[in-house]
């Protein structure tokens, strides 16, 4: 196990102003995250810290993340759309999500109940990487500015949080980010909004704890 993940569980991810405080979302799901971690590591994946969250890889290829959001913790499969999902337990982070799929949890009992299924899904995700399958992306139906699109692609946990926002909040951010004529101003607006997005908030919401 990676000691950086031990620190993540103790300190939180530190990606928004609530990081390293008792109100960090990580602390709402400590037991659940620890249990998911044990299950995933038992499947033989390599444990790393990427984008300030636990990321699990196979031969240096990203397979899944374990993360804490406001209302749940989750396993997020990078290529979840390619999983067969025989148990019908996967969810899209947002309506327009094309690749990622989530297994959401709000208590340890549900995790224990699905442990066998979780391991089966992880093994299937590993096989997808072994044979080199890729998700075929369709053009995003929303007019997302290229600066935001690039940021979401390089930061999967931010992408998951953005896609989990309500449609109105997503649209508000898109309009706000798209407004400036200069790319550097659009980038600045995106960077300053990351904390709110990760906390599940709209542009005009104030930071709040659960």
Protein backbone atom coordinates (compact mmCIF):
# COMPACT_ATOMS: atom_id res chain seq x y z
CA UNK A 1 0.00 0.00 0.00
CA UNK A 2 1.15 3.50 -0.81
CA UNK A 3 1.85 5.73 2.24
CA UNK A 4 0.59 8.74 0.24
CA UNK A 5 -2.88 7.19 0.40
CA UNK A 6 -2.55 6.82 4.17
CA UNK A 7 -1.93 10.56 4.30
CA UNK A 8 -4.91 11.22 2.00
CA UNK A 9 -7.19 9.37 4.43
CA UNK A 10 -5.79 11.34 7.36
CA UNK A 11 -5.46 14.83 5.87
CA UNK A 12 -7.92 14.81 2.95
CA UNK A 13 -7.14 15.70 -0.65
CA UNK A 14 -6.45 19.41 -0.12
CA UNK A 15 -7.98 20.35 -3.46
CA UNK A 16 -10.45 22.89 -2.10
CA UNK A 17 -10.52 25.27 0.90
CA UNK A 18 -12.00 22.49 3.04
CA UNK A 19 -8.89 20.32 2.60
CA UNK A 20 -6.97 19.43 5.76
CA UNK A 21 -9.94 20.52 7.87
CA UNK A 22 -12.58 18.42 9.67
CA UNK A 23 -15.07 19.47 6.98
CA UNK A 24 -13.13 17.84 4.12
CA UNK A 25 -15.37 15.35 2.29
CA UNK A 26 -12.79 12.59 2.74
CA UNK A 27 -13.50 12.53 6.48
CA UNK A 28 -17.19 11.85 5.87
CA UNK A 29 -16.36 8.53 4.22
CA UNK A 30 -13.17 7.35 5.97
CA UNK A 31 -14.35 3.83 6.79
CA UNK A 32 -15.93 3.34 3.39
CA UNK A 33 -12.81 4.57 1.58
CA UNK A 34 -10.58 2.29 3.64
CA UNK A 35 -12.78 -0.69 2.82
CA UNK A 36 -12.84 0.11 -0.90
CA UNK A 37 -9.09 0.52 -0.80
CA UNK A 38 -8.58 -2.94 0.68
CA UNK A 39 -10.85 -4.54 -1.92
CA UNK A 40 -9.18 -2.82 -4.87
CA UNK A 41 -5.62 -3.49 -3.70
CA UNK A 42 -6.57 -7.14 -3.23
CA UNK A 43 -7.29 -7.26 -6.98
CA UNK A 44 -3.60 -6.69 -7.74
CA UNK A 45 -3.64 -3.10 -8.95
CA UNK A 46 -0.84 -0.63 -8.20
CA UNK A 47 -1.84 2.10 -5.75
CA UNK A 48 -0.80 5.66 -6.63
CA UNK A 49 -1.77 9.22 -5.75
CA UNK A 50 -2.88 11.16 -8.84
CA UNK A 51 -4.88 14.37 -8.98
CA UNK A 52 -4.59 14.27 -5.15
CA UNK A 53 -6.80 11.15 -4.92
CA UNK A 54 -6.16 7.38 -4.81
CA UNK A 55 -5.67 6.07 -8.35
CA UNK A 56 -5.17 2.41 -9.23
CA UNK A 57 -3.20 1.34 -12.28
CA UNK A 58 -2.31 -1.78 -14.26
CA UNK A 59 1.06 -1.67 -16.01
CA UNK A 60 1.06 2.14 -15.71
CA UNK A 61 -2.43 2.45 -17.23
CA UNK A 62 -5.17 4.13 -15.20
CA UNK A 63 -7.96 1.68 -14.32
CA UNK A 64 -9.96 3.36 -11.56
CA UNK A 65 -10.02 5.94 -8.80
CA UNK A 66 -11.45 5.77 -5.29
CA UNK A 67 -12.75 9.15 -4.20
CA UNK A 68 -15.03 11.09 -1.87
CA UNK A 69 -17.74 13.42 -3.12
CA UNK A 70 -20.30 15.39 -1.15
CA UNK A 71 -23.11 12.83 -1.07
CA UNK A 72 -21.22 9.58 -1.59
CA UNK A 73 -17.86 7.91 -2.05
CA UNK A 74 -17.19 5.98 -5.21
CA UNK A 75 -15.09 3.78 -7.40
CA UNK A 76 -14.74 5.54 -10.74
CA UNK A 77 -13.76 3.35 -13.70
CA UNK A 78 -11.91 5.31 -16.38
CA UNK A 79 -13.34 3.07 -19.13
CA UNK A 80 -16.50 2.08 -17.31
CA UNK A 81 -18.60 2.44 -20.46
CA UNK A 82 -16.85 -0.69 -21.78
CA UNK A 83 -17.80 -2.81 -18.76
CA UNK A 84 -20.69 -5.23 -19.31
CA UNK A 85 -22.31 -4.14 -16.02
CA UNK A 86 -24.20 -7.43 -15.65
CA UNK A 87 -25.49 -6.36 -12.23
CA UNK A 88 -26.69 -2.96 -13.51
CA UNK A 89 -24.97 -1.12 -10.67
CA UNK A 90 -22.86 1.39 -12.60
CA UNK A 91 -23.92 5.02 -12.95
CA UNK A 92 -22.82 7.87 -15.18
CA UNK A 93 -21.21 10.81 -13.33
CA UNK A 94 -23.38 13.07 -15.50
CA UNK A 95 -25.86 12.78 -18.35
CA UNK A 96 -23.21 13.45 -20.98
CA UNK A 97 -20.49 11.20 -19.54
CA UNK A 98 -19.05 9.01 -22.26
CA UNK A 99 -16.27 6.95 -20.65
CA UNK A 100 -16.35 7.05 -16.84
CA UNK A 101 -18.80 5.04 -14.77
CA UNK A 102 -19.26 5.05 -10.99
CA UNK A 103 -20.01 2.57 -8.27
CA UNK A 104 -21.51 4.80 -5.57
CA UNK A 105 -21.59 3.95 -1.87
CA UNK A 106 -22.93 5.61 1.26
CA UNK A 107 -22.21 2.90 3.84
CA UNK A 108 -19.86 -0.01 4.53
CA UNK A 109 -22.68 -2.54 4.59
CA UNK A 110 -23.41 -1.99 0.89
CA UNK A 111 -19.71 -2.28 0.05
CA UNK A 112 -19.45 -5.60 1.88
CA UNK A 113 -22.63 -6.81 0.18
CA UNK A 114 -21.16 -6.08 -3.26
CA UNK A 115 -17.55 -7.07 -2.56
CA UNK A 116 -17.64 -10.03 -4.95
CA UNK A 117 -19.21 -7.92 -7.70
CA UNK A 118 -16.72 -5.08 -7.14
CA UNK A 119 -13.81 -7.49 -7.59
CA UNK A 120 -15.40 -8.96 -10.72
CA UNK A 121 -15.82 -5.48 -12.22
CA UNK A 122 -12.24 -4.56 -11.37
CA UNK A 123 -10.94 -7.75 -13.00
CA UNK A 124 -13.01 -6.99 -16.10
CA UNK A 125 -11.54 -3.46 -16.17
CA UNK A 126 -8.04 -4.96 -15.97
CA UNK A 127 -8.82 -7.25 -18.92
CA UNK A 128 -9.96 -4.22 -20.91
CA UNK A 129 -6.51 -2.68 -20.39
CA UNK A 130 -4.74 -5.94 -21.22
CA UNK A 131 -6.35 -6.09 -24.67
CA UNK A 132 -6.10 -2.33 -25.23
CA UNK A 133 -9.76 -1.49 -25.73
CA UNK A 134 -10.61 2.22 -26.07
CA UNK A 135 -13.81 4.23 -25.67
CA UNK A 136 -15.12 5.78 -28.89
CA UNK A 137 -16.00 9.35 -28.01
CA UNK A 138 -18.83 11.30 -29.57
CA UNK A 139 -18.70 15.07 -29.88
CA UNK A 140 -19.74 16.70 -26.62
CA UNK A 141 -23.26 18.11 -27.07
CA UNK A 142 -22.53 21.05 -24.75
CA UNK A 143 -20.54 24.07 -26.00
CA UNK A 144 -17.70 23.61 -23.54
CA UNK A 145 -14.77 26.01 -24.04
CA UNK A 146 -11.59 24.24 -25.10
CA UNK A 147 -9.72 25.40 -21.97
CA UNK A 148 -12.27 23.67 -19.74
CA UNK A 149 -12.32 20.59 -21.95
CA UNK A 150 -8.55 20.24 -21.65
CA UNK A 151 -8.64 20.76 -17.89
CA UNK A 152 -11.32 18.09 -17.44
CA UNK A 153 -9.38 15.61 -19.57
CA UNK A 154 -6.19 16.09 -17.56
CA UNK A 155 -8.00 15.95 -14.21
CA UNK A 156 -10.50 13.04 -14.02
CA UNK A 157 -11.66 13.79 -10.47
CA UNK A 158 -12.53 17.36 -11.51
CA UNK A 159 -14.35 15.95 -14.55
CA UNK A 160 -16.36 13.61 -12.35
CA UNK A 161 -17.28 16.46 -10.01
CA UNK A 162 -18.20 18.79 -12.89
CA UNK A 163 -20.41 16.19 -14.55
CA UNK A 164 -22.10 15.49 -11.21
CA UNK A 165 -23.26 19.13 -10.92
CA UNK A 166 -26.85 19.99 -11.71
CA UNK A 167 -27.42 21.01 -15.36
CA UNK A 168 -28.04 24.60 -14.29
CA UNK A 169 -24.77 24.84 -12.38
CA UNK A 170 -22.83 23.29 -15.26
CA UNK A 171 -24.38 25.72 -17.71
CA UNK A 172 -23.58 28.64 -15.40
CA UNK A 173 -19.92 27.69 -15.30
CA UNK A 174 -19.76 27.10 -19.06
CA UNK A 175 -21.22 30.52 -19.79
CA UNK A 176 -18.90 32.15 -17.23
CA UNK A 177 -15.79 30.42 -18.59
CA UNK A 178 -16.72 31.10 -22.22
CA UNK A 179 -17.33 34.83 -21.81
CA UNK A 180 -13.75 36.25 -21.88
CA UNK A 181 -12.15 36.76 -25.28
CA UNK A 182 -8.64 35.93 -24.08
CA UNK A 183 -7.71 32.31 -23.35
CA UNK A 184 -5.58 33.25 -20.32
CA UNK A 185 -8.62 34.89 -18.71
CA UNK A 186 -10.75 31.81 -19.35
CA UNK A 187 -8.04 29.63 -17.81
CA UNK A 188 -7.84 31.92 -14.77
CA UNK A 189 -11.59 31.69 -14.23
CA UNK A 190 -11.46 27.90 -14.44
CA UNK A 191 -8.57 27.64 -11.96
CA UNK A 192 -10.32 29.90 -9.44
CA UNK A 193 -13.54 27.83 -9.67
CA UNK A 194 -12.03 24.38 -9.13
CA UNK A 195 -12.63 24.39 -5.37
CA UNK A 196 -16.34 25.16 -5.77
CA UNK A 197 -16.77 22.51 -8.46
CA UNK A 198 -15.10 19.86 -6.32
CA UNK A 199 -17.42 20.84 -3.47
CA UNK A 200 -20.49 20.39 -5.66
CA UNK A 201 -21.34 24.09 -5.68
CA UNK A 202 -22.46 26.59 -8.30
CA UNK A 203 -20.68 29.84 -9.09
CA UNK A 204 -22.61 31.92 -6.59
CA UNK A 205 -22.78 29.36 -3.77
CA UNK A 206 -20.66 29.83 -0.68
CA UNK A 207 -18.39 27.03 0.56
CA UNK A 208 -20.31 24.81 2.91
CA UNK A 209 -19.66 21.65 4.89
CA UNK A 210 -22.02 18.74 5.12
